[in-house]
PDB file of N, CA and C in Angstrom:
ATOM      1  N   MET A   1       0.838  -1.181   0.000  1.00  0.00           N
ATOM      2  CA  MET A   1       0.000   0.000   0.000  1.00  0.00           C
ATOM      3  C   MET A   1       0.882   1.243   0.000  1.00  0.00           C
ATOM      4  N   ARG A   2       0.602   2.184  -0.873  1.00  0.00           N
ATOM      5  CA  ARG A   2       1.386   3.414  -0.954  1.00  0.00           C
ATOM      6  C   ARG A   2       0.834   4.451  -0.001  1.00  0.00           C
ATOM      7  N   GLU A   3       1.752   5.203   0.613  1.00  0.00           N
ATOM      8  CA  GLU A   3       1.326   6.300   1.476  1.00  0.00           C
ATOM      9  C   GLU A   3       0.835   7.447   0.619  1.00  0.00           C
ATOM     10  N   LYS A   4      -0.156   8.138   1.129  1.00  0.00           N
ATOM     11  CA  LYS A   4      -0.671   9.302   0.428  1.00  0.00           C
ATOM     12  C   LYS A   4       0.390  10.402   0.472  1.00  0.00           C
ATOM     13  N   ALA A   5       0.655  10.985  -0.647  1.00  0.00           N
ATOM     14  CA  ALA A   5       1.627  12.088  -0.711  1.00  0.00           C
ATOM     15  C   ALA A   5       0.945  13.362  -0.238  1.00  0.00           C
ATOM     16  N   PHE A   6       1.604  14.075   0.633  1.00  0.00           N
ATOM     17  CA  PHE A   6       1.067  15.325   1.148  1.00  0.00           C
ATOM     18  C   PHE A   6       1.735  16.480   0.429  1.00  0.00           C
ATOM     19  N   GLU A   7       0.924  17.339  -0.128  1.00  0.00           N
ATOM     20  CA  GLU A   7       1.449  18.535  -0.760  1.00  0.00           C
ATOM     21  C   GLU A   7       1.370  19.662   0.252  1.00  0.00           C
ATOM     22  N   LEU A   8       2.516  20.056   0.756  1.00  0.00           N
ATOM     23  CA  LEU A   8       2.576  21.096   1.768  1.00  0.00           C
ATOM     24  C   LEU A   8       3.033  22.405   1.150  1.00  0.00           C
ATOM     25  N   THR A   9       2.508  23.491   1.683  1.00  0.00           N
ATOM     26  CA  THR A   9       3.000  24.796   1.278  1.00  0.00           C
ATOM     27  C   THR A   9       4.316  25.048   2.014  1.00  0.00           C
ATOM     28  N   GLU A  10       5.065  26.013   1.550  1.00  0.00           N
ATOM     29  CA  GLU A  10       6.301  26.385   2.251  1.00  0.00           C
ATOM     30  C   GLU A  10       5.971  26.855   3.670  1.00  0.00           C
ATOM     31  N   PHE A  11       4.866  27.567   3.814  1.00  0.00           N
ATOM     32  CA  PHE A  11       4.434  28.037   5.132  1.00  0.00           C
ATOM     33  C   PHE A  11       4.198  26.844   6.062  1.00  0.00           C
ATOM     34  N   GLU A  12       3.448  25.841   5.601  1.00  0.00           N
ATOM     35  CA  GLU A  12       3.175  24.659   6.429  1.00  0.00           C
ATOM     36  C   GLU A  12       4.463  23.934   6.793  1.00  0.00           C
ATOM     37  N   LYS A  13       5.378  23.803   5.857  1.00  0.00           N
ATOM     38  CA  LYS A  13       6.661  23.149   6.155  1.00  0.00           C
ATOM     39  C   LYS A  13       7.390  23.873   7.274  1.00  0.00           C
ATOM     40  N   LYS A  14       7.387  25.196   7.227  1.00  0.00           N
ATOM     41  CA  LYS A  14       8.058  25.981   8.271  1.00  0.00           C
ATOM     42  C   LYS A  14       7.357  25.817   9.607  1.00  0.00           C
ATOM     43  N   VAL A  15       6.024  25.829   9.599  1.00  0.00           N
ATOM     44  CA  VAL A  15       5.261  25.660  10.839  1.00  0.00           C
ATOM     45  C   VAL A  15       5.576  24.307  11.461  1.00  0.00           C
ATOM     46  N   TYR A  16       5.512  23.246  10.676  1.00  0.00           N
ATOM     47  CA  TYR A  16       5.748  21.901  11.211  1.00  0.00           C
ATOM     48  C   TYR A  16       7.181  21.737  11.714  1.00  0.00           C
ATOM     49  N   ALA A  17       8.128  22.345  11.030  1.00  0.00           N
ATOM     50  CA  ALA A  17       9.524  22.277  11.484  1.00  0.00           C
ATOM     51  C   ALA A  17       9.693  22.992  12.813  1.00  0.00           C
ATOM     52  N   ALA A  18       9.052  24.136  12.982  1.00  0.00           N
ATOM     53  CA  ALA A  18       9.147  24.880  14.244  1.00  0.00           C
ATOM     54  C   ALA A  18       8.494  24.102  15.381  1.00  0.00           C
ATOM     55  N   VAL A  19       7.349  23.515  15.123  1.00  0.00           N
ATOM     56  CA  VAL A  19       6.618  22.781  16.164  1.00  0.00           C
ATOM     57  C   VAL A  19       7.395  21.546  16.600  1.00  0.00           C
ATOM     58  N   ARG A  20       8.126  20.932  15.691  1.00  0.00           N
ATOM     59  CA  ARG A  20       8.937  19.760  16.063  1.00  0.00           C
ATOM     60  C   ARG A  20      10.034  20.121  17.058  1.00  0.00           C
ATOM     61  N   GLN A  21      10.362  21.400  17.182  1.00  0.00           N
ATOM     62  CA  GLN A  21      11.405  21.840  18.107  1.00  0.00           C
ATOM     63  C   GLN A  21      10.898  22.029  19.539  1.00  0.00           C
ATOM     64  N   ILE A  22       9.590  21.952  19.737  1.00  0.00           N
ATOM     65  CA  ILE A  22       9.040  22.142  21.080  1.00  0.00           C
ATOM     66  C   ILE A  22       9.344  20.885  21.903  1.00  0.00           C
ATOM     67  N   PRO A  23      10.061  21.047  23.012  1.00  0.00           N
ATOM     68  CA  PRO A  23      10.426  19.873  23.818  1.00  0.00           C
ATOM     69  C   PRO A  23       9.220  19.170  24.443  1.00  0.00           C
ATOM     70  N   TRP A  24       9.391  17.890  24.665  1.00  0.00           N
ATOM     71  CA  TRP A  24       8.388  17.066  25.327  1.00  0.00           C
ATOM     72  C   TRP A  24       8.037  17.702  26.668  1.00  0.00           C
ATOM     73  N   GLY A  25       6.753  17.792  26.989  1.00  0.00           N
ATOM     74  CA  GLY A  25       6.308  18.319  28.274  1.00  0.00           C
ATOM     75  C   GLY A  25       6.243  19.835  28.340  1.00  0.00           C
ATOM     76  N   GLU A  26       6.533  20.513  27.239  1.00  0.00           N
ATOM     77  CA  GLU A  26       6.481  21.972  27.205  1.00  0.00           C
ATOM     78  C   GLU A  26       5.489  22.420  26.144  1.00  0.00           C
ATOM     79  N   VAL A  27       5.042  23.647  26.269  1.00  0.00           N
ATOM     80  CA  VAL A  27       4.152  24.223  25.264  1.00  0.00           C
ATOM     81  C   VAL A  27       4.716  25.544  24.772  1.00  0.00           C
ATOM     82  N   ARG A  28       4.251  25.961  23.601  1.00  0.00           N
ATOM     83  CA  ARG A  28       4.560  27.255  23.028  1.00  0.00           C
ATOM     84  C   ARG A  28       3.256  27.808  22.453  1.00  0.00           C
ATOM     85  N   THR A  29       3.204  29.110  22.260  1.00  0.00           N
ATOM     86  CA  THR A  29       1.990  29.714  21.722  1.00  0.00           C
ATOM     87  C   THR A  29       2.009  29.747  20.197  1.00  0.00           C
ATOM     88  N   TYR A  30       0.834  29.979  19.633  1.00  0.00           N
ATOM     89  CA  TYR A  30       0.732  30.163  18.186  1.00  0.00           C
ATOM     90  C   TYR A  30       1.597  31.349  17.777  1.00  0.00           C
ATOM     91  N   GLY A  31       1.633  32.371  18.619  1.00  0.00           N
ATOM     92  CA  GLY A  31       2.475  33.539  18.354  1.00  0.00           C
ATOM     93  C   GLY A  31       3.947  33.191  18.333  1.00  0.00           C
ATOM     94  N   TRP A  32       4.379  32.319  19.222  1.00  0.00           N
ATOM     95  CA  TRP A  32       5.782  31.878  19.247  1.00  0.00           C
ATOM     96  C   TRP A  32       6.128  31.215  17.920  1.00  0.00           C
ATOM     97  N   VAL A  33       5.238  30.327  17.463  1.00  0.00           N
ATOM     98  CA  VAL A  33       5.494  29.632  16.193  1.00  0.00           C
ATOM     99  C   VAL A  33       5.560  30.650  15.060  1.00  0.00           C
ATOM    100  N   ALA A  34       4.611  31.587  15.045  1.00  0.00           N
ATOM    101  CA  ALA A  34       4.585  32.601  13.988  1.00  0.00           C
ATOM    102  C   ALA A  34       5.881  33.420  13.981  1.00  0.00           C
ATOM    103  N   ARG A  35       6.339  33.822  15.151  1.00  0.00           N
ATOM    104  CA  ARG A  35       7.597  34.582  15.225  1.00  0.00           C
ATOM    105  C   ARG A  35       8.781  33.716  14.811  1.00  0.00           C
ATOM    106  N   LYS A  36       8.780  32.474  15.217  1.00  0.00           N
ATOM    107  CA  LYS A  36       9.876  31.549  14.916  1.00  0.00           C
ATOM    108  C   LYS A  36      10.068  31.377  13.407  1.00  0.00           C
ATOM    109  N   ILE A  37       8.977  31.418  12.662  1.00  0.00           N
ATOM    110  CA  ILE A  37       9.077  31.231  11.211  1.00  0.00           C
ATOM    111  C   ILE A  37       9.163  32.568  10.470  1.00  0.00           C
ATOM    112  N   GLY A  38       9.271  33.658  11.212  1.00  0.00           N
ATOM    113  CA  GLY A  38       9.440  34.958  10.591  1.00  0.00           C
ATOM    114  C   GLY A  38       8.164  35.613  10.099  1.00  0.00           C
ATOM    115  N   ARG A  39       7.022  35.154  10.608  1.00  0.00           N
ATOM    116  CA  ARG A  39       5.727  35.710  10.219  1.00  0.00           C
ATOM    117  C   ARG A  39       4.940  36.080  11.475  1.00  0.00           C
ATOM    118  N   PRO A  40       5.386  37.095  12.233  1.00  0.00           N
ATOM    119  CA  PRO A  40       4.835  37.390  13.552  1.00  0.00           C
ATOM    120  C   PRO A  40       3.339  37.682  13.603  1.00  0.00           C
ATOM    121  N   LYS A  41       2.731  38.038  12.506  1.00  0.00           N
ATOM    122  CA  LYS A  41       1.291  38.332  12.508  1.00  0.00           C
ATOM    123  C   LYS A  41       0.450  37.164  12.004  1.00  0.00           C
ATOM    124  N   ALA A  42       1.063  36.029  11.792  1.00  0.00           N
ATOM    125  CA  ALA A  42       0.377  34.884  11.179  1.00  0.00           C
ATOM    126  C   ALA A  42      -0.101  33.847  12.185  1.00  0.00           C
ATOM    127  N   CYS A  43      -0.465  34.288  13.384  1.00  0.00           N
ATOM    128  CA  CYS A  43      -0.889  33.333  14.427  1.00  0.00           C
ATOM    129  C   CYS A  43      -2.065  32.475  13.976  1.00  0.00           C
ATOM    130  N   ARG A  44      -3.054  33.104  13.376  1.00  0.00           N
ATOM    131  CA  ARG A  44      -4.240  32.372  12.931  1.00  0.00           C
ATOM    132  C   ARG A  44      -3.887  31.389  11.818  1.00  0.00           C
ATOM    133  N   ALA A  45      -3.014  31.785  10.924  1.00  0.00           N
ATOM    134  CA  ALA A  45      -2.576  30.893   9.843  1.00  0.00           C
ATOM    135  C   ALA A  45      -1.809  29.701  10.406  1.00  0.00           C
ATOM    136  N   VAL A  46      -1.042  29.932  11.469  1.00  0.00           N
ATOM    137  CA  VAL A  46      -0.345  28.826  12.143  1.00  0.00           C
ATOM    138  C   VAL A  46      -1.371  27.828  12.664  1.00  0.00           C
ATOM    139  N   GLY A  47      -2.409  28.333  13.322  1.00  0.00           N
ATOM    140  CA  GLY A  47      -3.474  27.458  13.827  1.00  0.00           C
ATOM    141  C   GLY A  47      -4.136  26.663  12.713  1.00  0.00           C
ATOM    142  N   ASN A  48      -4.390  27.312  11.585  1.00  0.00           N
ATOM    143  CA  ASN A  48      -5.004  26.615  10.450  1.00  0.00           C
ATOM    144  C   ASN A  48      -4.087  25.522   9.913  1.00  0.00           C
ATOM    145  N   ALA A  49      -2.796  25.807   9.843  1.00  0.00           N
ATOM    146  CA  ALA A  49      -1.840  24.794   9.371  1.00  0.00           C
ATOM    147  C   ALA A  49      -1.802  23.608  10.334  1.00  0.00           C
ATOM    148  N   LEU A  50      -1.815  23.896  11.626  1.00  0.00           N
ATOM    149  CA  LEU A  50      -1.758  22.812  12.610  1.00  0.00           C
ATOM    150  C   LEU A  50      -3.048  22.000  12.630  1.00  0.00           C
ATOM    151  N   ASN A  51      -4.153  22.630  12.299  1.00  0.00           N
ATOM    152  CA  ASN A  51      -5.425  21.916  12.243  1.00  0.00           C
ATOM    153  C   ASN A  51      -5.404  20.830  11.168  1.00  0.00           C
ATOM    154  N   LYS A  52      -4.559  21.003  10.153  1.00  0.00           N
ATOM    155  CA  LYS A  52      -4.439  20.032   9.057  1.00  0.00           C
ATOM    156  C   LYS A  52      -3.230  19.111   9.222  1.00  0.00           C
ATOM    157  N   ASN A  53      -2.554  19.155  10.341  1.00  0.00           N
ATOM    158  CA  ASN A  53      -1.312  18.423  10.566  1.00  0.00           C
ATOM    159  C   ASN A  53      -1.453  16.928  10.242  1.00  0.00           C
ATOM    160  N   PRO A  54      -0.843  16.473   9.155  1.00  0.00           N
ATOM    161  CA  PRO A  54      -0.929  15.056   8.805  1.00  0.00           C
ATOM    162  C   PRO A  54       0.173  14.212   9.461  1.00  0.00           C
ATOM    163  N   PHE A  55       1.021  14.837  10.257  1.00  0.00           N
ATOM    164  CA  PHE A  55       2.190  14.145  10.801  1.00  0.00           C
ATOM    165  C   PHE A  55       2.166  13.942  12.314  1.00  0.00           C
ATOM    166  N   ALA A  56       1.024  14.142  12.945  1.00  0.00           N
ATOM    167  CA  ALA A  56       0.940  13.923  14.387  1.00  0.00           C
ATOM    168  C   ALA A  56       1.169  12.445  14.667  1.00  0.00           C
ATOM    169  N   PRO A  57       1.852  12.079  15.701  1.00  0.00           N
ATOM    170  CA  PRO A  57       2.431  12.904  16.755  1.00  0.00           C
ATOM    171  C   PRO A  57       3.866  13.354  16.482  1.00  0.00           C
ATOM    172  N   LYS A  58       4.406  13.008  15.319  1.00  0.00           N
ATOM    173  CA  LYS A  58       5.777  13.425  15.016  1.00  0.00           C
ATOM    174  C   LYS A  58       5.895  14.948  15.016  1.00  0.00           C
ATOM    175  N   VAL A  59       4.858  15.613  14.550  1.00  0.00           N
ATOM    176  CA  VAL A  59       4.739  17.067  14.678  1.00  0.00           C
ATOM    177  C   VAL A  59       3.712  17.276  15.784  1.00  0.00           C
ATOM    178  N   PRO A  60       4.175  17.550  17.004  1.00  0.00           N
ATOM    179  CA  PRO A  60       3.305  17.558  18.187  1.00  0.00           C
ATOM    180  C   PRO A  60       2.469  18.833  18.320  1.00  0.00           C
ATOM    181  N   CYS A  61       1.450  18.959  17.473  1.00  0.00           N
ATOM    182  CA  CYS A  61       0.641  20.178  17.455  1.00  0.00           C
ATOM    183  C   CYS A  61      -0.105  20.394  18.772  1.00  0.00           C
ATOM    184  N   HIS A  62      -0.277  19.350  19.578  1.00  0.00           N
ATOM    185  CA  HIS A  62      -0.945  19.527  20.868  1.00  0.00           C
ATOM    186  C   HIS A  62      -0.121  20.405  21.811  1.00  0.00           C
ATOM    187  N   ARG A  63       1.153  20.603  21.516  1.00  0.00           N
ATOM    188  CA  ARG A  63       2.012  21.437  22.355  1.00  0.00           C
ATOM    189  C   ARG A  63       1.910  22.926  22.028  1.00  0.00           C
ATOM    190  N   VAL A  64       1.073  23.277  21.083  1.00  0.00           N
ATOM    191  CA  VAL A  64       0.879  24.681  20.721  1.00  0.00           C
ATOM    192  C   VAL A  64      -0.437  25.141  21.319  1.00  0.00           C
ATOM    193  N   VAL A  65      -0.370  26.218  22.102  1.00  0.00           N
ATOM    194  CA  VAL A  65      -1.535  26.729  22.819  1.00  0.00           C
ATOM    195  C   VAL A  65      -1.773  28.198  22.482  1.00  0.00           C
ATOM    196  N   ALA A  66      -2.954  28.658  22.800  1.00  0.00           N
ATOM    197  CA  ALA A  66      -3.285  30.069  22.622  1.00  0.00           C
ATOM    198  C   ALA A  66      -2.637  30.872  23.745  1.00  0.00           C
ATOM    199  N   ALA A  67      -2.434  32.148  23.514  1.00  0.00           N
ATOM    200  CA  ALA A  67      -1.813  33.010  24.523  1.00  0.00           C
ATOM    201  C   ALA A  67      -2.643  33.067  25.798  1.00  0.00           C
ATOM    202  N   GLY A  68      -3.954  32.946  25.674  1.00  0.00           N
ATOM    203  CA  GLY A  68      -4.819  33.046  26.840  1.00  0.00           C
ATOM    204  C   GLY A  68      -5.379  31.733  27.337  1.00  0.00           C
ATOM    205  N   GLY A  69      -4.870  30.619  26.874  1.00  0.00           N
ATOM    206  CA  GLY A  69      -5.397  29.315  27.292  1.00  0.00           C
ATOM    207  C   GLY A  69      -4.940  28.232  26.346  1.00  0.00           C
ATOM    208  N   LEU A  70      -5.669  27.129  26.347  1.00  0.00           N
ATOM    209  CA  LEU A  70      -5.249  25.985  25.545  1.00  0.00           C
ATOM    210  C   LEU A  70      -5.493  26.152  24.052  1.00  0.00           C
ATOM    211  N   GLY A  71      -6.484  26.924  23.668  1.00  0.00           N
ATOM    212  CA  GLY A  71      -6.785  27.060  22.251  1.00  0.00           C
ATOM    213  C   GLY A  71      -7.531  25.847  21.742  1.00  0.00           C
ATOM    214  N   GLY A  72      -7.488  25.611  20.458  1.00  0.00           N
ATOM    215  CA  GLY A  72      -8.218  24.506  19.862  1.00  0.00           C
ATOM    216  C   GLY A  72      -7.342  23.307  19.577  1.00  0.00           C
ATOM    217  N   PHE A  73      -7.986  22.274  19.063  1.00  0.00           N
ATOM    218  CA  PHE A  73      -7.278  21.044  18.714  1.00  0.00           C
ATOM    219  C   PHE A  73      -8.198  20.232  17.817  1.00  0.00           C
ATOM    220  N   ALA A  74      -7.683  19.765  16.700  1.00  0.00           N
ATOM    221  CA  ALA A  74      -8.502  19.024  15.739  1.00  0.00           C
ATOM    222  C   ALA A  74      -9.132  17.786  16.379  1.00  0.00           C
ATOM    223  N   GLY A  75      -8.438  17.171  17.318  1.00  0.00           N
ATOM    224  CA  GLY A  75      -8.948  15.976  17.983  1.00  0.00           C
ATOM    225  C   GLY A  75      -9.843  16.271  19.172  1.00  0.00           C
ATOM    226  N   GLY A  76     -10.106  17.537  19.429  1.00  0.00           N
ATOM    227  CA  GLY A  76     -10.937  17.930  20.565  1.00  0.00           C
ATOM    228  C   GLY A  76     -10.086  18.362  21.745  1.00  0.00           C
ATOM    229  N   LEU A  77     -10.622  19.280  22.525  1.00  0.00           N
ATOM    230  CA  LEU A  77      -9.884  19.834  23.659  1.00  0.00           C
ATOM    231  C   LEU A  77      -9.564  18.783  24.725  1.00  0.00           C
ATOM    232  N   ALA A  78     -10.469  17.843  24.938  1.00  0.00           N
ATOM    233  CA  ALA A  78     -10.211  16.785  25.923  1.00  0.00           C
ATOM    234  C   ALA A  78      -8.987  15.961  25.524  1.00  0.00           C
ATOM    235  N   ALA A  79      -8.855  15.672  24.241  1.00  0.00           N
ATOM    236  CA  ALA A  79      -7.691  14.908  23.759  1.00  0.00           C
ATOM    237  C   ALA A  79      -6.416  15.714  23.930  1.00  0.00           C
ATOM    238  N   LYS A  80      -6.477  17.021  23.661  1.00  0.00           N
ATOM    239  CA  LYS A  80      -5.306  17.874  23.827  1.00  0.00           C
ATOM    240  C   LYS A  80      -4.852  17.867  25.288  1.00  0.00           C
ATOM    241  N   LYS A  81      -5.802  18.018  26.199  1.00  0.00           N
ATOM    242  CA  LYS A  81      -5.480  17.990  27.634  1.00  0.00           C
ATOM    243  C   LYS A  81      -4.875  16.647  28.022  1.00  0.00           C
ATOM    244  N   ARG A  82      -5.444  15.569  27.522  1.00  0.00           N
ATOM    245  CA  ARG A  82      -4.951  14.224  27.851  1.00  0.00           C
ATOM    246  C   ARG A  82      -3.508  14.046  27.365  1.00  0.00           C
ATOM    247  N   LEU A  83      -3.216  14.499  26.154  1.00  0.00           N
ATOM    248  CA  LEU A  83      -1.856  14.383  25.623  1.00  0.00           C
ATOM    249  C   LEU A  83      -0.870  15.225  26.433  1.00  0.00           C
ATOM    250  N   LEU A  84      -1.255  16.445  26.769  1.00  0.00           N
ATOM    251  CA  LEU A  84      -0.372  17.320  27.546  1.00  0.00           C
ATOM    252  C   LEU A  84      -0.136  16.757  28.941  1.00  0.00           C
ATOM    253  N   ARG A  85      -1.182  16.274  29.570  1.00  0.00           N
ATOM    254  CA  ARG A  85      -1.036  15.689  30.917  1.00  0.00           C
ATOM    255  C   ARG A  85      -0.131  14.458  30.892  1.00  0.00           C
ATOM    256  N   ALA A  86      -0.230  13.665  29.834  1.00  0.00           N
ATOM    257  CA  ALA A  86       0.622  12.469  29.697  1.00  0.00           C
ATOM    258  C   ALA A  86       2.089  12.860  29.619  1.00  0.00           C
ATOM    259  N   GLU A  87       2.364  14.091  29.163  1.00  0.00           N
ATOM    260  CA  GLU A  87       3.747  14.586  29.096  1.00  0.00           C
ATOM    261  C   GLU A  87       4.139  15.342  30.366  1.00  0.00           C
ATOM    262  N   GLY A  88       3.237  15.383  31.341  1.00  0.00           N
ATOM    263  CA  GLY A  88       3.563  16.037  32.608  1.00  0.00           C
ATOM    264  C   GLY A  88       3.213  17.504  32.667  1.00  0.00           C
ATOM    265  N   TYR A  89       2.553  18.026  31.628  1.00  0.00           N
ATOM    266  CA  TYR A  89       2.168  19.442  31.619  1.00  0.00           C
ATOM    267  C   TYR A  89       0.863  19.594  32.379  1.00  0.00           C
ATOM    268  N   LYS A  90       0.805  20.546  33.279  1.00  0.00           N
ATOM    269  CA  LYS A  90      -0.392  20.767  34.082  1.00  0.00           C
ATOM    270  C   LYS A  90      -1.337  21.716  33.369  1.00  0.00           C
ATOM    271  N   CYS A  91      -2.509  21.203  33.029  1.00  0.00           N
ATOM    272  CA  CYS A  91      -3.513  22.046  32.382  1.00  0.00           C
ATOM    273  C   CYS A  91      -4.888  21.769  32.979  1.00  0.00           C
TER     274      CYS A  91
END
């Protein structure tokens, strides 16, 4: 069986590369990711890219949170909390 080829934009590639740098048990904000890739005003676009993340858990999008709280998660907020707690993060 062949794996489905993912066509990623350059923006998505940068987002996923930045998110892979977030250490286990830690979180970063959408703003942090946006600044890390040189697009400081692209917080919402970062969230949209992570919502389509085809590489979880290798690209740990659950470690990206909103500045004022946990933010969203394609798998649901309960799943995001469960994944973060499993890594020792208190939420």
